[in-house]
Amino acid sequence: MNETANVGMMGMFPLIITLALCLLMLASMWRIFTKAGQPGWAILIPIYNAYVMLKVAGKPGWWLLLMLIPVVNLIVTILMLAGIAKNFGKGVGYVLGLIFFPILFYPMLAFGDAQYRGVAG
């Protein structure tokens, strides 16, 4: 194997890691949706997946329009994540985990023992 081939293989490593993390997040969100009684395939459809996440969080669907407004979308997303954590019986610390360490906390929520308690939960 020559040096050019080695460089090419090293360039593939970040791509493989990125794809693996994307698949992990896809599987995690699919599982979170199904735990909440929503269709898992909804994660595959842009914009609709945000609407379903709002439903899982117990937030009104019209908040999707707020997600189109810069800066406001950050606040709406944080409130949505807080609603999701609450509906799965988690607290503020878990919300912070979902915001700052999603690669860890989404799979923990999806594949852990957390159960969806519903909007009133």
C-alpha atoms as a PDB file:
ATOM      1  CA  MET A   1       0.000   0.000   0.000  1.00  0.00           C
ATOM      2  CA  ASN A   2       1.449   3.363  -0.919  1.00  0.00           C
ATOM      3  CA  GLU A   3       1.355   6.613   1.013  1.00  0.00           C
ATOM      4  CA  THR A   4      -1.518   8.045  -1.030  1.00  0.00           C
ATOM      5  CA  ALA A   5      -3.718   5.087  -0.155  1.00  0.00           C
ATOM      6  CA  ASN A   6      -2.928   5.551   3.544  1.00  0.00           C
ATOM      7  CA  VAL A   7      -3.963   9.199   3.396  1.00  0.00           C
ATOM      8  CA  GLY A   8      -7.174   8.197   1.631  1.00  0.00           C
ATOM      9  CA  MET A   9      -7.989   5.622   4.287  1.00  0.00           C
ATOM     10  CA  MET A  10      -7.341   8.155   7.053  1.00  0.00           C
ATOM     11  CA  GLY A  11      -9.770  10.503   5.339  1.00  0.00           C
ATOM     12  CA  MET A  12     -12.441   7.822   5.543  1.00  0.00           C
ATOM     13  CA  PHE A  13     -12.192   7.499   9.322  1.00  0.00           C
ATOM     14  CA  PRO A  14     -14.030  10.762  10.161  1.00  0.00           C
ATOM     15  CA  LEU A  15     -16.695   9.877   7.604  1.00  0.00           C
ATOM     16  CA  ILE A  16     -17.258   6.462   9.181  1.00  0.00           C
ATOM     17  CA  ILE A  17     -17.460   7.974  12.679  1.00  0.00           C
ATOM     18  CA  THR A  18     -19.893  10.647  11.471  1.00  0.00           C
ATOM     19  CA  LEU A  19     -22.126   8.066   9.794  1.00  0.00           C
ATOM     20  CA  ALA A  20     -22.101   5.888  12.911  1.00  0.00           C
ATOM     21  CA  LEU A  21     -23.114   8.835  15.104  1.00  0.00           C
ATOM     22  CA  CYS A  22     -25.856   9.806  12.650  1.00  0.00           C
ATOM     23  CA  LEU A  23     -27.229   6.268  12.731  1.00  0.00           C
ATOM     24  CA  LEU A  24     -27.084   6.254  16.544  1.00  0.00           C
ATOM     25  CA  MET A  25     -29.051   9.508  16.722  1.00  0.00           C
ATOM     26  CA  LEU A  26     -31.540   8.305  14.107  1.00  0.00           C
ATOM     27  CA  ALA A  27     -32.144   5.067  16.009  1.00  0.00           C
ATOM     28  CA  SER A  28     -32.412   6.980  19.289  1.00  0.00           C
ATOM     29  CA  MET A  29     -34.988   9.436  18.000  1.00  0.00           C
ATOM     30  CA  TRP A  30     -36.934   6.617  16.325  1.00  0.00           C
ATOM     31  CA  ARG A  31     -37.066   4.783  19.666  1.00  0.00           C
ATOM     32  CA  ILE A  32     -38.061   7.934  21.590  1.00  0.00           C
ATOM     33  CA  PHE A  33     -40.921   8.525  19.160  1.00  0.00           C
ATOM     34  CA  THR A  34     -42.168   4.941  19.475  1.00  0.00           C
ATOM     35  CA  LYS A  35     -41.916   5.062  23.276  1.00  0.00           C
ATOM     36  CA  ALA A  36     -44.156   8.137  23.133  1.00  0.00           C
ATOM     37  CA  GLY A  37     -46.708   6.392  20.923  1.00  0.00           C
ATOM     38  CA  GLN A  38     -45.727   8.266  17.770  1.00  0.00           C
ATOM     39  CA  PRO A  39     -44.605   6.720  14.477  1.00  0.00           C
ATOM     40  CA  GLY A  40     -40.844   6.142  14.476  1.00  0.00           C
ATOM     41  CA  TRP A  41     -40.590   6.799  10.748  1.00  0.00           C
ATOM     42  CA  ALA A  42     -41.561  10.417  11.429  1.00  0.00           C
ATOM     43  CA  ILE A  43     -37.933  11.140  12.298  1.00  0.00           C
ATOM     44  CA  LEU A  44     -37.075  10.651   8.616  1.00  0.00           C
ATOM     45  CA  ILE A  45     -39.296  13.498   7.373  1.00  0.00           C
ATOM     46  CA  PRO A  46     -37.930  17.033   7.815  1.00  0.00           C
ATOM     47  CA  ILE A  47     -40.212  19.561   9.516  1.00  0.00           C
ATOM     48  CA  TYR A  48     -42.741  16.832  10.359  1.00  0.00           C
ATOM     49  CA  ASN A  49     -40.221  15.360  12.799  1.00  0.00           C
ATOM     50  CA  ALA A  50     -40.063  18.719  14.633  1.00  0.00           C
ATOM     51  CA  TYR A  51     -43.876  18.736  14.776  1.00  0.00           C
ATOM     52  CA  VAL A  52     -43.895  15.232  16.269  1.00  0.00           C
ATOM     53  CA  MET A  53     -41.219  16.248  18.791  1.00  0.00           C
ATOM     54  CA  LEU A  54     -43.460  19.129  19.852  1.00  0.00           C
ATOM     55  CA  LYS A  55     -46.317  16.641  20.324  1.00  0.00           C
ATOM     56  CA  VAL A  56     -44.077  14.363  22.413  1.00  0.00           C
ATOM     57  CA  ALA A  57     -43.118  17.409  24.493  1.00  0.00           C
ATOM     58  CA  GLY A  58     -46.780  18.333  24.973  1.00  0.00           C
ATOM     59  CA  LYS A  59     -46.357  21.656  23.196  1.00  0.00           C
ATOM     60  CA  PRO A  60     -48.812  23.073  20.630  1.00  0.00           C
ATOM     61  CA  GLY A  61     -48.135  22.339  16.971  1.00  0.00           C
ATOM     62  CA  TRP A  62     -48.180  26.005  16.005  1.00  0.00           C
ATOM     63  CA  TRP A  63     -44.869  26.383  17.875  1.00  0.00           C
ATOM     64  CA  LEU A  64     -43.381  24.919  14.706  1.00  0.00           C
ATOM     65  CA  LEU A  65     -43.807  28.381  13.163  1.00  0.00           C
ATOM     66  CA  LEU A  66     -41.833  29.881  16.042  1.00  0.00           C
ATOM     67  CA  MET A  67     -38.988  27.535  15.166  1.00  0.00           C
ATOM     68  CA  LEU A  68     -38.574  29.467  11.910  1.00  0.00           C
ATOM     69  CA  ILE A  69     -37.715  32.707  13.745  1.00  0.00           C
ATOM     70  CA  PRO A  70     -34.026  33.185  14.584  1.00  0.00           C
ATOM     71  CA  VAL A  71     -33.223  33.310  18.325  1.00  0.00           C
ATOM     72  CA  VAL A  72     -36.848  32.471  19.172  1.00  0.00           C
ATOM     73  CA  ASN A  73     -36.154  28.989  17.801  1.00  0.00           C
ATOM     74  CA  LEU A  74     -33.475  28.478  20.470  1.00  0.00           C
ATOM     75  CA  ILE A  75     -35.936  29.252  23.246  1.00  0.00           C
ATOM     76  CA  VAL A  76     -38.633  27.070  21.699  1.00  0.00           C
ATOM     77  CA  THR A  77     -36.164  24.195  21.309  1.00  0.00           C
ATOM     78  CA  ILE A  78     -35.080  24.441  24.956  1.00  0.00           C
ATOM     79  CA  LEU A  79     -38.722  24.478  26.088  1.00  0.00           C
ATOM     80  CA  MET A  80     -39.437  21.509  23.811  1.00  0.00           C
ATOM     81  CA  LEU A  81     -36.524  19.538  25.266  1.00  0.00           C
ATOM     82  CA  ALA A  82     -37.700  20.435  28.778  1.00  0.00           C
ATOM     83  CA  GLY A  83     -41.155  19.090  27.900  1.00  0.00           C
ATOM     84  CA  ILE A  84     -39.709  15.880  26.495  1.00  0.00           C
ATOM     85  CA  ALA A  85     -37.564  15.342  29.590  1.00  0.00           C
ATOM     86  CA  LYS A  86     -40.528  16.060  31.878  1.00  0.00           C
ATOM     87  CA  ASN A  87     -42.807  13.692  29.984  1.00  0.00           C
ATOM     88  CA  PHE A  88     -40.212  10.952  30.372  1.00  0.00           C
ATOM     89  CA  GLY A  89     -39.912  11.658  34.120  1.00  0.00           C
ATOM     90  CA  LYS A  90     -36.569  13.459  33.936  1.00  0.00           C
ATOM     91  CA  GLY A  91     -35.501  16.731  35.525  1.00  0.00           C
ATOM     92  CA  VAL A  92     -33.537  19.875  34.752  1.00  0.00           C
ATOM     93  CA  GLY A  93     -30.189  18.070  34.750  1.00  0.00           C
ATOM     94  CA  TYR A  94     -31.432  15.817  31.981  1.00  0.00           C
ATOM     95  CA  VAL A  95     -32.597  18.823  29.969  1.00  0.00           C
ATOM     96  CA  LEU A  96     -29.090  20.267  30.200  1.00  0.00           C
ATOM     97  CA  GLY A  97     -27.724  16.906  29.064  1.00  0.00           C
ATOM     98  CA  LEU A  98     -30.049  16.886  26.052  1.00  0.00           C
ATOM     99  CA  ILE A  99     -28.897  20.389  25.155  1.00  0.00           C
ATOM    100  CA  PHE A 100     -25.144  20.070  25.680  1.00  0.00           C
ATOM    101  CA  PHE A 101     -24.467  16.323  25.286  1.00  0.00           C
ATOM    102  CA  PRO A 102     -27.141  14.998  22.907  1.00  0.00           C
ATOM    103  CA  ILE A 103     -24.911  12.147  21.661  1.00  0.00           C
ATOM    104  CA  LEU A 104     -25.074  10.665  25.182  1.00  0.00           C
ATOM    105  CA  PHE A 105     -28.478  11.706  26.480  1.00  0.00           C
ATOM    106  CA  TYR A 106     -30.726  10.887  23.509  1.00  0.00           C
ATOM    107  CA  PRO A 107     -29.547   7.236  23.438  1.00  0.00           C
ATOM    108  CA  MET A 108     -29.881   7.065  27.239  1.00  0.00           C
ATOM    109  CA  LEU A 109     -33.467   8.281  26.969  1.00  0.00           C
ATOM    110  CA  ALA A 110     -34.218   5.970  24.055  1.00  0.00           C
ATOM    111  CA  PHE A 111     -32.616   2.743  25.201  1.00  0.00           C
ATOM    112  CA  GLY A 112     -32.719   3.235  28.960  1.00  0.00           C
ATOM    113  CA  ASP A 113     -35.570   2.430  31.321  1.00  0.00           C
ATOM    114  CA  ALA A 114     -37.306   5.810  30.983  1.00  0.00           C
ATOM    115  CA  GLN A 115     -40.991   5.449  30.146  1.00  0.00           C
ATOM    116  CA  TYR A 116     -43.160   8.049  28.484  1.00  0.00           C
ATOM    117  CA  ARG A 117     -45.653   9.291  31.072  1.00  0.00           C
ATOM    118  CA  GLY A 118     -47.718  11.388  28.724  1.00  0.00           C
ATOM    119  CA  VAL A 119     -48.273  15.115  28.659  1.00  0.00           C
ATOM    120  CA  ALA A 120     -49.871  15.237  32.117  1.00  0.00           C
ATOM    121  CA  GLY A 121     -47.099  12.977  33.568  1.00  0.00           C
END
